[in-house]
C-alpha atoms as a PDB file:
ATOM      1  CA  UNK A   1       7.820  -1.427 -15.500  1.00  0.00           C
ATOM      2  CA  UNK A   2      11.729  -2.450 -15.966  1.00  0.00           C
ATOM      3  CA  UNK A   3      13.664   0.689 -17.442  1.00  0.00           C
ATOM      4  CA  UNK A   4      15.336  -2.364 -20.188  1.00  0.00           C
ATOM      5  CA  UNK A   5      11.640  -2.920 -21.049  1.00  0.00           C
ATOM      6  CA  UNK A   6      10.824   0.160 -21.190  1.00  0.00           C
ATOM      7  CA  UNK A   7      13.036   0.945 -23.687  1.00  0.00           C
ATOM      8  CA  UNK A   8      12.667  -1.801 -26.212  1.00  0.00           C
ATOM      9  CA  UNK A   9       8.812  -1.179 -26.004  1.00  0.00           C
ATOM     10  CA  UNK A  10       9.552   2.463 -27.581  1.00  0.00           C
ATOM     11  CA  UNK A  11      12.351   1.421 -29.680  1.00  0.00           C
ATOM     12  CA  UNK A  12       9.648  -1.141 -30.946  1.00  0.00           C
ATOM     13  CA  UNK A  13       6.737   0.553 -31.777  1.00  0.00           C
ATOM     14  CA  UNK A  14       9.277   3.772 -33.223  1.00  0.00           C
ATOM     15  CA  UNK A  15      10.368  -0.052 -35.970  1.00  0.00           C
ATOM     16  CA  UNK A  16       6.749   0.067 -36.321  1.00  0.00           C
ATOM     17  CA  UNK A  17       5.946   3.157 -37.233  1.00  0.00           C
ATOM     18  CA  UNK A  18       9.239   4.409 -39.543  1.00  0.00           C
ATOM     19  CA  UNK A  19       7.676   0.697 -41.589  1.00  0.00           C
ATOM     20  CA  UNK A  20       4.330   2.021 -41.700  1.00  0.00           C
ATOM     21  CA  UNK A  21       5.974   5.388 -42.889  1.00  0.00           C
ATOM     22  CA  UNK A  22       8.008   4.480 -45.902  1.00  0.00           C
ATOM     23  CA  UNK A  23      11.448   3.793 -43.739  1.00  0.00           C
ATOM     24  CA  UNK A  24      13.999   1.328 -44.694  1.00  0.00           C
ATOM     25  CA  UNK A  25      15.454   0.970 -40.765  1.00  0.00           C
ATOM     26  CA  UNK A  26      18.501  -1.008 -39.261  1.00  0.00           C
ATOM     27  CA  UNK A  27      19.360  -1.364 -35.880  1.00  0.00           C
ATOM     28  CA  UNK A  28      22.444  -1.799 -34.793  1.00  0.00           C
ATOM     29  CA  UNK A  29      24.213  -5.035 -33.923  1.00  0.00           C
ATOM     30  CA  UNK A  30      25.138  -3.364 -30.294  1.00  0.00           C
ATOM     31  CA  UNK A  31      24.726   0.033 -29.199  1.00  0.00           C
ATOM     32  CA  UNK A  32      27.894   1.481 -27.823  1.00  0.00           C
ATOM     33  CA  UNK A  33      27.554   4.087 -29.384  1.00  0.00           C
ATOM     34  CA  UNK A  34      24.342   6.061 -28.523  1.00  0.00           C
ATOM     35  CA  UNK A  35      22.626   4.969 -32.293  1.00  0.00           C
ATOM     36  CA  UNK A  36      19.199   3.542 -31.417  1.00  0.00           C
ATOM     37  CA  UNK A  37      18.490   3.134 -35.168  1.00  0.00           C
ATOM     38  CA  UNK A  38      19.556   3.447 -38.250  1.00  0.00           C
ATOM     39  CA  UNK A  39      17.648   5.470 -40.905  1.00  0.00           C
ATOM     40  CA  UNK A  40      17.259   5.534 -45.088  1.00  0.00           C
ATOM     41  CA  UNK A  41      16.046   8.542 -46.035  1.00  0.00           C
ATOM     42  CA  UNK A  42      14.067   8.312 -49.869  1.00  0.00           C
ATOM     43  CA  UNK A  43      17.245  10.347 -51.197  1.00  0.00           C
ATOM     44  CA  UNK A  44      19.935   6.899 -50.115  1.00  0.00           C
ATOM     45  CA  UNK A  45      20.803   9.138 -46.319  1.00  0.00           C
ATOM     46  CA  UNK A  46      21.658   7.523 -43.819  1.00  0.00           C
ATOM     47  CA  UNK A  47      20.227   9.686 -40.507  1.00  0.00           C
ATOM     48  CA  UNK A  48      20.957   7.676 -37.195  1.00  0.00           C
ATOM     49  CA  UNK A  49      18.265   7.550 -35.034  1.00  0.00           C
ATOM     50  CA  UNK A  50      18.273   7.648 -30.388  1.00  0.00           C
ATOM     51  CA  UNK A  51      14.834   6.789 -29.057  1.00  0.00           C
ATOM     52  CA  UNK A  52      13.365   7.913 -26.016  1.00  0.00           C
ATOM     53  CA  UNK A  53      10.483   6.735 -24.009  1.00  0.00           C
ATOM     54  CA  UNK A  54       8.830   8.268 -21.917  1.00  0.00           C
ATOM     55  CA  UNK A  55       6.108   7.775 -19.098  1.00  0.00           C
ATOM     56  CA  UNK A  56       4.836  10.935 -18.208  1.00  0.00           C
ATOM     57  CA  UNK A  57       4.086  14.828 -18.710  1.00  0.00           C
ATOM     58  CA  UNK A  58       6.006  17.528 -16.974  1.00  0.00           C
ATOM     59  CA  UNK A  59       3.990  19.387 -15.586  1.00  0.00           C
ATOM     60  CA  UNK A  60       0.490  17.936 -17.425  1.00  0.00           C
ATOM     61  CA  UNK A  61       1.298  19.584 -20.226  1.00  0.00           C
ATOM     62  CA  UNK A  62       4.740  18.489 -21.538  1.00  0.00           C
ATOM     63  CA  UNK A  63       7.265  15.628 -22.647  1.00  0.00           C
ATOM     64  CA  UNK A  64      10.801  16.541 -20.867  1.00  0.00           C
ATOM     65  CA  UNK A  65      13.627  14.178 -22.822  1.00  0.00           C
ATOM     66  CA  UNK A  66      17.239  15.394 -21.559  1.00  0.00           C
ATOM     67  CA  UNK A  67      19.593  14.670 -23.877  1.00  0.00           C
ATOM     68  CA  UNK A  68      23.152  16.587 -22.708  1.00  0.00           C
ATOM     69  CA  UNK A  69      24.405  13.326 -22.770  1.00  0.00           C
ATOM     70  CA  UNK A  70      25.069  13.752 -26.819  1.00  0.00           C
ATOM     71  CA  UNK A  71      25.875  17.045 -27.136  1.00  0.00           C
ATOM     72  CA  UNK A  72      29.099  17.857 -28.641  1.00  0.00           C
ATOM     73  CA  UNK A  73      29.212  13.984 -29.622  1.00  0.00           C
ATOM     74  CA  UNK A  74      28.028  14.400 -32.857  1.00  0.00           C
ATOM     75  CA  UNK A  75      26.459  10.851 -32.654  1.00  0.00           C
ATOM     76  CA  UNK A  76      22.587  11.248 -33.355  1.00  0.00           C
ATOM     77  CA  UNK A  77      20.775  12.866 -36.127  1.00  0.00           C
ATOM     78  CA  UNK A  78      17.882  12.025 -34.509  1.00  0.00           C
ATOM     79  CA  UNK A  79      16.054  11.951 -31.356  1.00  0.00           C
ATOM     80  CA  UNK A  80      12.309   9.492 -31.543  1.00  0.00           C
ATOM     81  CA  UNK A  81      10.242  10.735 -28.535  1.00  0.00           C
ATOM     82  CA  UNK A  82       7.869   7.617 -27.787  1.00  0.00           C
ATOM     83  CA  UNK A  83       5.166   9.201 -25.608  1.00  0.00           C
ATOM     84  CA  UNK A  84       3.991   5.481 -24.647  1.00  0.00           C
ATOM     85  CA  UNK A  85       0.849   5.618 -22.528  1.00  0.00           C
ATOM     86  CA  UNK A  86      -0.505   7.572 -25.600  1.00  0.00           C
ATOM     87  CA  UNK A  87       1.567   5.868 -27.713  1.00  0.00           C
ATOM     88  CA  UNK A  88       2.237   8.451 -30.238  1.00  0.00           C
ATOM     89  CA  UNK A  89       5.449   9.211 -31.159  1.00  0.00           C
ATOM     90  CA  UNK A  90       7.650  12.450 -32.474  1.00  0.00           C
ATOM     91  CA  UNK A  91      10.745  12.961 -34.660  1.00  0.00           C
ATOM     92  CA  UNK A  92      12.695  16.129 -33.307  1.00  0.00           C
ATOM     93  CA  UNK A  93      16.302  16.560 -35.686  1.00  0.00           C
ATOM     94  CA  UNK A  94      18.572  16.771 -33.240  1.00  0.00           C
ATOM     95  CA  UNK A  95      20.344  20.889 -32.660  1.00  0.00           C
ATOM     96  CA  UNK A  96      23.101  19.919 -30.229  1.00  0.00           C
ATOM     97  CA  UNK A  97      20.678  20.537 -27.178  1.00  0.00           C
ATOM     98  CA  UNK A  98      21.141  20.044 -24.006  1.00  0.00           C
ATOM     99  CA  UNK A  99      17.097  18.353 -23.828  1.00  0.00           C
ATOM    100  CA  UNK A 100      14.032  18.792 -25.389  1.00  0.00           C
ATOM    101  CA  UNK A 101      10.819  19.936 -24.767  1.00  0.00           C
ATOM    102  CA  UNK A 102       7.205  19.255 -26.523  1.00  0.00           C
ATOM    103  CA  UNK A 103       3.826  20.844 -25.668  1.00  0.00           C
ATOM    104  CA  UNK A 104       1.489  17.587 -25.755  1.00  0.00           C
ATOM    105  CA  UNK A 105      -1.523  20.284 -24.259  1.00  0.00           C
ATOM    106  CA  UNK A 106      -1.322  24.335 -23.576  1.00  0.00           C
ATOM    107  CA  UNK A 107      -0.523  25.289 -20.487  1.00  0.00           C
ATOM    108  CA  UNK A 108      -2.873  26.404 -17.983  1.00  0.00           C
ATOM    109  CA  UNK A 109      -1.552  29.711 -18.967  1.00  0.00           C
ATOM    110  CA  UNK A 110      -2.180  28.823 -22.084  1.00  0.00           C
ATOM    111  CA  UNK A 111       1.060  30.181 -23.959  1.00  0.00           C
ATOM    112  CA  UNK A 112       1.757  28.610 -26.398  1.00  0.00           C
ATOM    113  CA  UNK A 113       4.165  31.098 -27.929  1.00  0.00           C
ATOM    114  CA  UNK A 114       8.330  30.183 -27.910  1.00  0.00           C
ATOM    115  CA  UNK A 115       6.994  25.867 -27.806  1.00  0.00           C
ATOM    116  CA  UNK A 116       6.883  22.958 -29.529  1.00  0.00           C
ATOM    117  CA  UNK A 117       5.132  20.715 -30.321  1.00  0.00           C
ATOM    118  CA  UNK A 118       5.185  17.367 -30.007  1.00  0.00           C
ATOM    119  CA  UNK A 119       1.898  16.784 -33.230  1.00  0.00           C
ATOM    120  CA  UNK A 120       4.478  18.636 -35.642  1.00  0.00           C
ATOM    121  CA  UNK A 121       6.991  16.502 -35.404  1.00  0.00           C
ATOM    122  CA  UNK A 122       5.068  12.802 -36.548  1.00  0.00           C
ATOM    123  CA  UNK A 123       6.603  13.068 -39.425  1.00  0.00           C
ATOM    124  CA  UNK A 124      10.286  11.475 -40.213  1.00  0.00           C
ATOM    125  CA  UNK A 125      12.423  14.296 -40.889  1.00  0.00           C
ATOM    126  CA  UNK A 126      13.180  14.511 -44.943  1.00  0.00           C
ATOM    127  CA  UNK A 127      17.058  16.525 -43.918  1.00  0.00           C
ATOM    128  CA  UNK A 128      20.119  16.147 -45.770  1.00  0.00           C
END
């Protein structure tokens, strides 16, 4: 699948999910500033969203997203991670990190401490 098609599928899935959650969703006419969508919160605040579509798990247990190009840009507020094979979305408040790892299943060593779980981020974050 071409990367542009993959990205379009992710953006469509995120828009649909956000509308179902009751949000107003806006789309920039041109994506030159790393913002795919703008979401209006219930208090009227606007949050900038970057959508990342992922096709496979890293080591079979987690989703890895490289975010280095967003670090220190102050351009995005939320990273929406769409995992295409399972048609699921996580909304992670961007914390200016270089990358993001979200666990889908328990690792082979059964370690759970310190892991960020994909399913903990299924609702869009309501923060000001």
